[in-house]
N, C-alpha and C. Protein backbone atom coordinates (compact mmCIF):
# COMPACT_ATOMS: atom_id res chain seq x y z
N MET A 1 95.75 154.59 75.73
CA MET A 1 95.91 152.65 75.13
C MET A 1 96.34 152.45 73.96
N ILE A 2 97.80 152.42 74.27
CA ILE A 2 97.93 151.40 73.11
C ILE A 2 97.87 149.99 72.66
N TRP A 3 96.94 148.85 71.74
CA TRP A 3 96.70 147.85 72.34
C TRP A 3 97.48 146.91 70.49
N GLU A 4 97.73 146.08 70.99
CA GLU A 4 99.17 145.65 70.09
C GLU A 4 98.77 143.97 69.90
N VAL A 5 98.94 143.26 68.80
CA VAL A 5 98.95 141.39 68.64
C VAL A 5 100.02 141.05 68.04
N LYS A 6 100.52 139.90 69.02
CA LYS A 6 102.25 139.94 68.36
C LYS A 6 102.32 138.65 68.38
N GLU A 7 102.90 137.68 67.47
CA GLU A 7 103.15 136.61 68.01
C GLU A 7 103.97 136.47 68.64
N TRP A 8 104.80 134.78 69.18
CA TRP A 8 105.53 134.95 70.18
C TRP A 8 106.94 135.50 69.54
N ALA A 9 107.35 135.29 68.35
CA ALA A 9 108.66 135.81 67.79
C ALA A 9 109.00 137.06 67.89
N GLU A 10 107.51 137.77 67.93
CA GLU A 10 107.42 139.18 67.37
C GLU A 10 108.30 140.39 68.23
N LEU A 11 107.77 139.49 69.65
CA LEU A 11 107.82 140.35 71.25
C LEU A 11 109.49 140.42 71.41
N SER A 12 110.04 141.87 71.49
CA SER A 12 111.16 142.06 72.23
C SER A 12 111.23 141.12 73.70
N PRO A 13 112.61 141.27 73.62
CA PRO A 13 113.03 140.87 75.01
C PRO A 13 112.33 141.59 76.27
N ASN A 14 112.41 143.06 76.41
CA ASN A 14 111.82 143.88 77.18
C ASN A 14 110.37 143.06 77.66
N GLU A 15 109.58 143.33 76.35
CA GLU A 15 108.03 142.83 76.48
C GLU A 15 107.60 141.61 77.40
N VAL A 16 108.79 140.54 77.07
CA VAL A 16 108.46 138.97 77.63
C VAL A 16 108.50 139.36 78.68
N GLU A 17 109.75 140.42 79.14
CA GLU A 17 110.08 140.09 81.04
C GLU A 17 109.20 140.92 81.13
N ASN A 18 108.25 142.15 80.80
CA ASN A 18 106.94 143.02 81.14
C ASN A 18 105.68 141.74 81.21
N ILE A 19 105.52 141.17 80.10
CA ILE A 19 104.94 140.09 80.28
C ILE A 19 104.58 139.09 82.00
N PHE A 20 105.50 138.34 82.12
CA PHE A 20 106.08 137.49 82.58
C PHE A 20 105.71 138.30 84.43
N SER A 21 106.25 139.52 84.32
CA SER A 21 106.57 140.54 85.47
C SER A 21 105.06 140.24 85.99
N LEU A 22 103.96 140.84 84.94
CA LEU A 22 102.86 141.50 85.18
C LEU A 22 102.12 140.50 85.85
N ARG A 23 101.70 138.71 84.99
CA ARG A 23 101.72 137.93 85.43
C ARG A 23 101.83 137.55 86.26
N SER A 24 103.51 137.39 86.83
CA SER A 24 103.23 136.77 88.13
C SER A 24 102.99 138.26 89.08
N GLU A 25 102.82 139.71 89.00
CA GLU A 25 102.15 140.33 90.24
C GLU A 25 101.01 139.96 90.60
N VAL A 26 100.38 139.89 89.17
CA VAL A 26 98.81 139.43 89.84
C VAL A 26 98.45 137.91 90.13
N PHE A 27 98.77 137.55 89.25
CA PHE A 27 98.35 135.59 89.60
C PHE A 27 99.18 135.02 90.39
N VAL A 28 100.45 134.94 90.88
CA VAL A 28 100.89 134.71 91.56
C VAL A 28 101.19 135.44 93.17
N VAL A 29 101.65 136.81 93.22
CA VAL A 29 102.00 137.63 94.27
C VAL A 29 100.51 138.42 95.08
N GLU A 30 99.19 138.84 93.90
CA GLU A 30 98.32 139.20 94.55
C GLU A 30 97.25 139.04 94.87
N GLN A 31 97.14 137.43 94.02
CA GLN A 31 96.49 136.31 94.47
C GLN A 31 96.62 135.20 95.17
N ASP A 32 98.11 135.69 95.81
CA ASP A 32 98.83 134.71 96.59
C ASP A 32 98.37 133.04 95.58
N CYS A 33 98.60 132.92 94.81
CA CYS A 33 98.61 131.16 94.49
C CYS A 33 99.68 131.36 93.34
N VAL A 34 100.53 129.94 94.24
CA VAL A 34 101.61 129.61 93.66
C VAL A 34 101.40 128.27 92.53
N TYR A 35 101.35 129.02 91.76
CA TYR A 35 101.48 127.86 89.92
C TYR A 35 102.56 128.33 89.11
N GLN A 36 102.60 127.06 88.04
CA GLN A 36 103.54 127.30 87.35
C GLN A 36 102.89 127.91 85.90
N ASP A 37 103.41 129.04 85.74
CA ASP A 37 103.06 130.08 84.73
C ASP A 37 103.03 129.70 83.67
N ILE A 38 104.77 129.43 83.60
CA ILE A 38 105.67 129.79 82.52
C ILE A 38 105.17 128.04 81.63
N ASP A 39 104.12 127.50 81.29
CA ASP A 39 103.70 126.21 80.80
C ASP A 39 104.19 125.29 78.91
N GLY A 40 104.82 126.37 78.88
CA GLY A 40 105.18 125.82 77.33
C GLY A 40 104.42 126.57 76.10
N LYS A 41 103.25 127.11 76.75
CA LYS A 41 102.14 126.84 75.38
C LYS A 41 102.46 128.69 74.63
N ASP A 42 103.37 129.46 75.16
CA ASP A 42 103.50 130.92 75.44
C ASP A 42 103.88 131.11 74.02
N GLN A 43 104.50 129.88 73.56
CA GLN A 43 105.60 130.37 71.89
C GLN A 43 103.95 129.87 70.66
N LYS A 44 102.94 129.48 71.50
CA LYS A 44 102.50 128.84 70.22
C LYS A 44 101.02 130.23 70.14
N ALA A 45 100.97 131.10 71.17
CA ALA A 45 99.40 131.58 70.96
C ALA A 45 99.85 133.33 70.64
N LYS A 46 98.99 134.18 70.26
CA LYS A 46 99.30 135.42 69.75
C LYS A 46 99.00 136.44 70.92
N HIS A 47 100.22 137.18 71.72
CA HIS A 47 99.71 137.96 72.57
C HIS A 47 99.34 139.29 72.92
N VAL A 48 98.21 139.70 73.18
CA VAL A 48 97.76 141.04 72.95
C VAL A 48 97.57 141.32 74.22
N LEU A 49 98.59 143.01 73.78
CA LEU A 49 99.09 144.14 74.66
C LEU A 49 98.85 145.43 74.87
N GLY A 50 97.92 145.40 75.98
CA GLY A 50 97.73 147.15 76.38
C GLY A 50 98.68 147.66 76.84
N LYS A 51 99.58 148.89 75.92
CA LYS A 51 100.36 149.68 77.03
C LYS A 51 99.83 150.93 77.16
N LYS A 52 100.28 151.66 77.54
CA LYS A 52 100.57 152.61 78.50
C LYS A 52 101.76 153.84 79.27
N ASN A 53 102.16 154.67 78.54
CA ASN A 53 103.73 155.12 78.78
C ASN A 53 104.41 153.72 78.65
N ASN A 54 104.48 153.33 77.63
CA ASN A 54 105.50 152.03 76.93
C ASN A 54 105.37 151.15 78.17
N GLU A 55 104.42 150.73 79.15
CA GLU A 55 104.87 150.01 80.05
C GLU A 55 102.88 149.00 79.94
N ILE A 56 103.59 147.58 79.65
CA ILE A 56 102.26 146.58 80.38
C ILE A 56 101.33 147.09 81.15
N VAL A 57 100.56 147.32 80.95
CA VAL A 57 99.40 146.84 82.08
C VAL A 57 98.26 146.21 81.40
N ALA A 58 98.17 146.09 80.70
CA ALA A 58 97.00 144.27 79.93
C ALA A 58 97.46 143.65 79.33
N TYR A 59 96.84 142.73 79.67
CA TYR A 59 97.91 141.47 78.80
C TYR A 59 96.79 139.78 78.53
N ALA A 60 96.57 139.31 77.71
CA ALA A 60 96.28 138.04 77.48
C ALA A 60 96.68 137.33 76.30
N ARG A 61 96.59 136.00 76.48
CA ARG A 61 96.93 134.97 75.29
C ARG A 61 95.92 134.41 74.66
N ILE A 62 95.96 134.10 73.31
CA ILE A 62 95.11 133.70 72.68
C ILE A 62 95.11 132.73 71.80
N PHE A 63 94.10 131.59 72.00
CA PHE A 63 94.77 130.39 71.45
C PHE A 63 94.14 129.54 70.13
N LYS A 64 94.37 128.98 69.22
CA LYS A 64 93.96 128.34 67.99
C LYS A 64 92.85 127.63 68.83
N PRO A 65 91.75 127.45 68.02
CA PRO A 65 91.39 125.54 68.37
C PRO A 65 92.29 124.94 67.93
N GLY A 66 92.41 123.73 69.69
CA GLY A 66 93.16 122.51 69.51
C GLY A 66 95.22 122.68 70.09
N GLU A 67 94.77 124.04 70.23
CA GLU A 67 95.66 124.47 70.89
C GLU A 67 96.16 124.38 72.52
N TYR A 68 94.70 124.95 73.30
CA TYR A 68 94.48 124.51 74.68
C TYR A 68 93.50 124.56 75.07
N PHE A 69 92.37 124.65 74.30
CA PHE A 69 90.63 123.63 74.09
C PHE A 69 90.96 123.53 73.07
N LYS A 70 89.33 122.02 72.58
CA LYS A 70 89.11 121.85 71.42
C LYS A 70 88.90 123.46 70.85
N GLU A 71 87.73 124.29 71.35
CA GLU A 71 88.11 125.66 70.66
C GLU A 71 88.96 126.28 70.79
N ALA A 72 88.65 127.61 70.06
CA ALA A 72 89.80 128.74 70.32
C ALA A 72 89.12 129.49 71.47
N SER A 73 90.29 129.74 72.55
CA SER A 73 90.44 130.69 73.49
C SER A 73 91.02 131.57 73.90
N PHE A 74 91.28 132.27 74.62
CA PHE A 74 92.18 133.36 75.26
C PHE A 74 91.95 132.92 76.94
N GLY A 75 93.45 133.88 77.37
CA GLY A 75 93.71 133.00 79.15
C GLY A 75 94.94 133.91 79.16
N ARG A 76 95.08 133.87 80.71
CA ARG A 76 96.16 134.54 81.48
C ARG A 76 95.67 136.28 80.93
N ALA A 77 94.23 136.19 80.77
CA ALA A 77 93.83 138.04 80.84
C ALA A 77 94.06 138.25 82.25
N VAL A 78 94.35 139.72 82.27
CA VAL A 78 95.11 140.24 83.31
C VAL A 78 95.52 142.28 83.23
N VAL A 79 94.81 142.74 84.45
CA VAL A 79 94.97 144.17 84.21
C VAL A 79 96.09 144.10 85.49
N LYS A 80 96.80 145.98 85.15
CA LYS A 80 97.83 145.92 86.45
C LYS A 80 96.65 146.49 87.54
N LYS A 81 97.38 146.57 88.55
CA LYS A 81 95.97 146.44 89.94
C LYS A 81 95.56 148.28 89.72
N THR A 82 96.68 148.69 89.32
CA THR A 82 96.56 150.50 89.42
C THR A 82 95.52 150.56 88.76
N GLU A 83 95.50 149.98 87.37
CA GLU A 83 94.51 150.41 85.85
C GLU A 83 93.13 149.86 86.04
N ARG A 84 92.81 149.18 86.79
CA ARG A 84 91.41 148.35 87.38
C ARG A 84 90.48 149.22 87.64
N GLY A 85 89.21 149.28 87.06
CA GLY A 85 88.34 150.22 87.01
C GLY A 85 88.17 151.41 86.67
N LYS A 86 88.81 150.87 85.19
CA LYS A 86 88.98 152.16 84.35
C LYS A 86 88.45 151.91 82.63
N GLY A 87 87.96 150.31 82.55
CA GLY A 87 87.22 149.66 81.22
C GLY A 87 88.30 149.37 80.62
N ILE A 88 89.68 149.02 80.77
CA ILE A 88 90.65 148.56 80.19
C ILE A 88 90.37 146.83 80.44
N GLY A 89 89.81 146.34 81.29
CA GLY A 89 89.23 144.93 81.01
C GLY A 89 88.38 145.09 79.83
N ASP A 90 87.54 145.31 79.76
CA ASP A 90 86.52 145.46 78.45
C ASP A 90 87.35 145.59 77.89
N GLU A 91 88.04 146.44 76.91
CA GLU A 91 89.05 146.64 76.05
C GLU A 91 89.84 145.37 75.93
N LEU A 92 90.19 144.90 76.79
CA LEU A 92 91.37 143.84 76.59
C LEU A 92 90.44 142.81 75.90
N VAL A 93 88.88 141.93 76.60
CA VAL A 93 88.33 141.21 76.24
C VAL A 93 87.67 141.50 74.63
N ILE A 94 87.76 142.86 74.40
CA ILE A 94 87.16 142.96 73.22
C ILE A 94 88.29 142.72 72.42
N ASN A 95 89.64 143.25 72.57
CA ASN A 95 90.67 142.96 71.66
C ASN A 95 90.57 141.56 71.08
N CYS A 96 90.41 140.88 72.58
CA CYS A 96 90.61 139.49 72.03
C CYS A 96 89.77 138.46 70.80
N LEU A 97 88.38 139.17 71.67
CA LEU A 97 87.26 138.46 70.27
C LEU A 97 87.74 138.92 68.83
N GLU A 98 88.15 140.56 68.95
CA GLU A 98 88.06 140.63 67.90
C GLU A 98 89.24 139.91 66.99
N ASN A 99 90.12 139.41 67.58
CA ASN A 99 91.42 138.38 67.00
C ASN A 99 91.18 136.97 67.49
N ILE A 100 90.25 136.92 67.06
CA ILE A 100 89.84 135.00 67.27
C ILE A 100 89.07 134.90 66.10
N THR A 101 88.77 134.84 64.77
CA THR A 101 88.34 134.12 64.17
C THR A 101 86.87 132.84 64.24
N GLU A 102 86.99 132.44 65.12
CA GLU A 102 86.13 131.44 64.98
C GLU A 102 84.90 131.60 65.77
N GLU A 103 83.74 131.00 65.96
CA GLU A 103 82.53 131.11 66.75
C GLU A 103 82.47 130.72 67.52
N GLU A 104 83.34 129.16 68.24
CA GLU A 104 83.31 128.91 69.25
C GLU A 104 84.68 129.26 69.75
N ILE A 105 84.23 129.73 71.16
CA ILE A 105 85.31 130.19 71.83
C ILE A 105 84.95 129.46 73.37
N LYS A 106 86.16 129.12 74.14
CA LYS A 106 86.39 128.26 75.14
C LYS A 106 86.69 129.18 75.86
N ILE A 107 86.78 129.57 77.46
CA ILE A 107 87.76 130.50 78.30
C ILE A 107 87.48 129.45 79.56
N SER A 108 88.15 129.47 80.93
CA SER A 108 88.68 128.94 81.78
C SER A 108 88.61 130.59 82.97
N ALA A 109 87.70 130.73 82.93
CA ALA A 109 86.80 132.05 83.51
C ALA A 109 87.54 131.68 85.48
N GLN A 110 87.85 132.68 86.68
CA GLN A 110 87.82 132.97 87.61
C GLN A 110 86.84 133.24 87.93
N SER A 111 86.04 132.20 89.26
CA SER A 111 84.92 132.36 88.78
C SER A 111 84.16 133.64 89.74
N TYR A 112 84.42 134.63 89.86
CA TYR A 112 84.29 135.59 90.53
C TYR A 112 83.55 136.89 88.95
N LEU A 113 84.22 136.03 88.19
CA LEU A 113 83.97 136.98 86.99
C LEU A 113 83.43 136.72 85.64
N LYS A 114 82.82 135.51 86.60
CA LYS A 114 81.74 135.33 85.41
C LYS A 114 80.46 136.79 84.66
N GLY A 115 80.25 137.76 85.75
CA GLY A 115 79.57 138.51 85.33
C GLY A 115 80.15 139.08 84.33
N PHE A 116 81.38 139.62 84.10
CA PHE A 116 82.56 140.54 83.40
C PHE A 116 82.22 139.85 82.49
N TYR A 117 82.49 138.10 82.09
CA TYR A 117 82.68 138.11 80.76
C TYR A 117 81.29 137.70 80.52
N GLY A 118 80.18 137.98 81.00
CA GLY A 118 78.82 137.12 80.56
C GLY A 118 78.50 138.88 79.92
N LYS A 119 78.53 139.76 79.88
CA LYS A 119 78.39 141.04 79.73
C LYS A 119 79.15 140.70 77.82
N HIS A 120 80.40 139.91 78.09
CA HIS A 120 80.47 139.77 76.61
C HIS A 120 80.31 138.42 76.19
N GLY A 121 79.13 137.97 75.95
CA GLY A 121 78.85 137.23 75.18
C GLY A 121 78.55 135.56 75.91
N PHE A 122 79.70 135.54 77.13
CA PHE A 122 80.10 134.07 77.13
C PHE A 122 78.93 133.32 78.06
N LYS A 123 78.48 132.63 78.47
CA LYS A 123 77.75 132.04 79.00
C LYS A 123 78.35 130.49 79.93
N ALA A 124 78.24 130.26 80.96
CA ALA A 124 78.70 129.18 82.10
C ALA A 124 78.00 128.19 81.71
N GLU A 125 79.25 127.08 81.43
CA GLU A 125 78.73 125.62 81.25
C GLU A 125 79.30 124.79 82.56
N GLY A 126 78.39 124.26 83.11
CA GLY A 126 78.98 123.05 83.94
C GLY A 126 79.36 123.65 85.43
N LYS A 127 79.89 122.15 86.26
CA LYS A 127 79.78 122.61 87.71
C LYS A 127 81.51 123.78 87.37
N GLU A 128 81.68 124.51 88.70
CA GLU A 128 82.43 125.20 89.55
C GLU A 128 83.60 124.52 89.22
N TYR A 129 84.93 124.16 89.10
CA TYR A 129 86.09 123.37 89.58
C TYR A 129 86.90 124.60 90.53
N LEU A 130 88.00 123.95 90.39
CA LEU A 130 89.34 124.31 91.15
C LEU A 130 90.38 124.44 90.51
N GLU A 131 91.05 125.62 89.92
CA GLU A 131 92.49 125.36 88.89
C GLU A 131 93.16 126.47 89.71
N ASP A 132 94.46 125.56 90.48
CA ASP A 132 95.64 126.06 91.35
C ASP A 132 94.94 126.68 92.22
N GLY A 133 93.79 126.15 93.04
CA GLY A 133 92.89 126.45 94.00
C GLY A 133 92.48 127.42 93.91
N ILE A 134 92.28 128.10 92.69
CA ILE A 134 90.97 129.07 92.81
C ILE A 134 89.87 128.75 92.10
N PRO A 135 89.22 128.92 92.38
CA PRO A 135 87.38 127.99 91.94
C PRO A 135 87.22 129.21 90.17
N HIS A 136 86.83 128.26 88.98
CA HIS A 136 86.64 128.53 88.02
C HIS A 136 85.64 128.53 87.50
N THR A 137 85.10 128.30 85.92
CA THR A 137 83.87 128.05 85.51
C THR A 137 84.57 128.30 83.50
N ALA A 138 83.89 127.08 83.51
CA ALA A 138 84.05 126.85 81.82
C ALA A 138 82.58 128.17 81.47
N MET A 139 82.96 128.96 80.48
CA MET A 139 82.61 129.85 79.63
C MET A 139 82.75 130.17 78.47
N PHE A 140 81.34 129.93 77.49
CA PHE A 140 81.47 129.67 76.15
C PHE A 140 80.60 130.58 75.62
N ILE A 141 81.84 131.11 74.18
CA ILE A 141 80.41 131.81 73.02
C ILE A 141 80.45 130.82 71.77
N ARG A 142 79.52 130.75 71.65
CA ARG A 142 79.11 129.46 70.52
C ARG A 142 78.57 130.06 69.38
């Protein structure tokens, strides 16, 4: 795995297409969730890319405080189905955390992943809520 962190302007057109394809493959098709993925926030984010054989198989976007939540955050964290169970999700979260300098981080985690994010130091706060029809939980590192 090769890990890269890039600003929007540094992404190649091929990388942008791969990112949107992977996000659509998992969040729209696999999870059967119709939602507006392109939300106008990608240009503000840093993009964490996990590449295997030059293909993006893991991805997340990072935001500074105030760009998404009041706190620093990351989201759209995704690993290609064929690459799951190999620790790549853990590597992705570690890469995100290494690229966030703020001490307070908030994520909106799919609720079934609370244990996964918990092992990276996140703690659930508040009640579960629906985001695009999928149960989510606010989680924090403080």
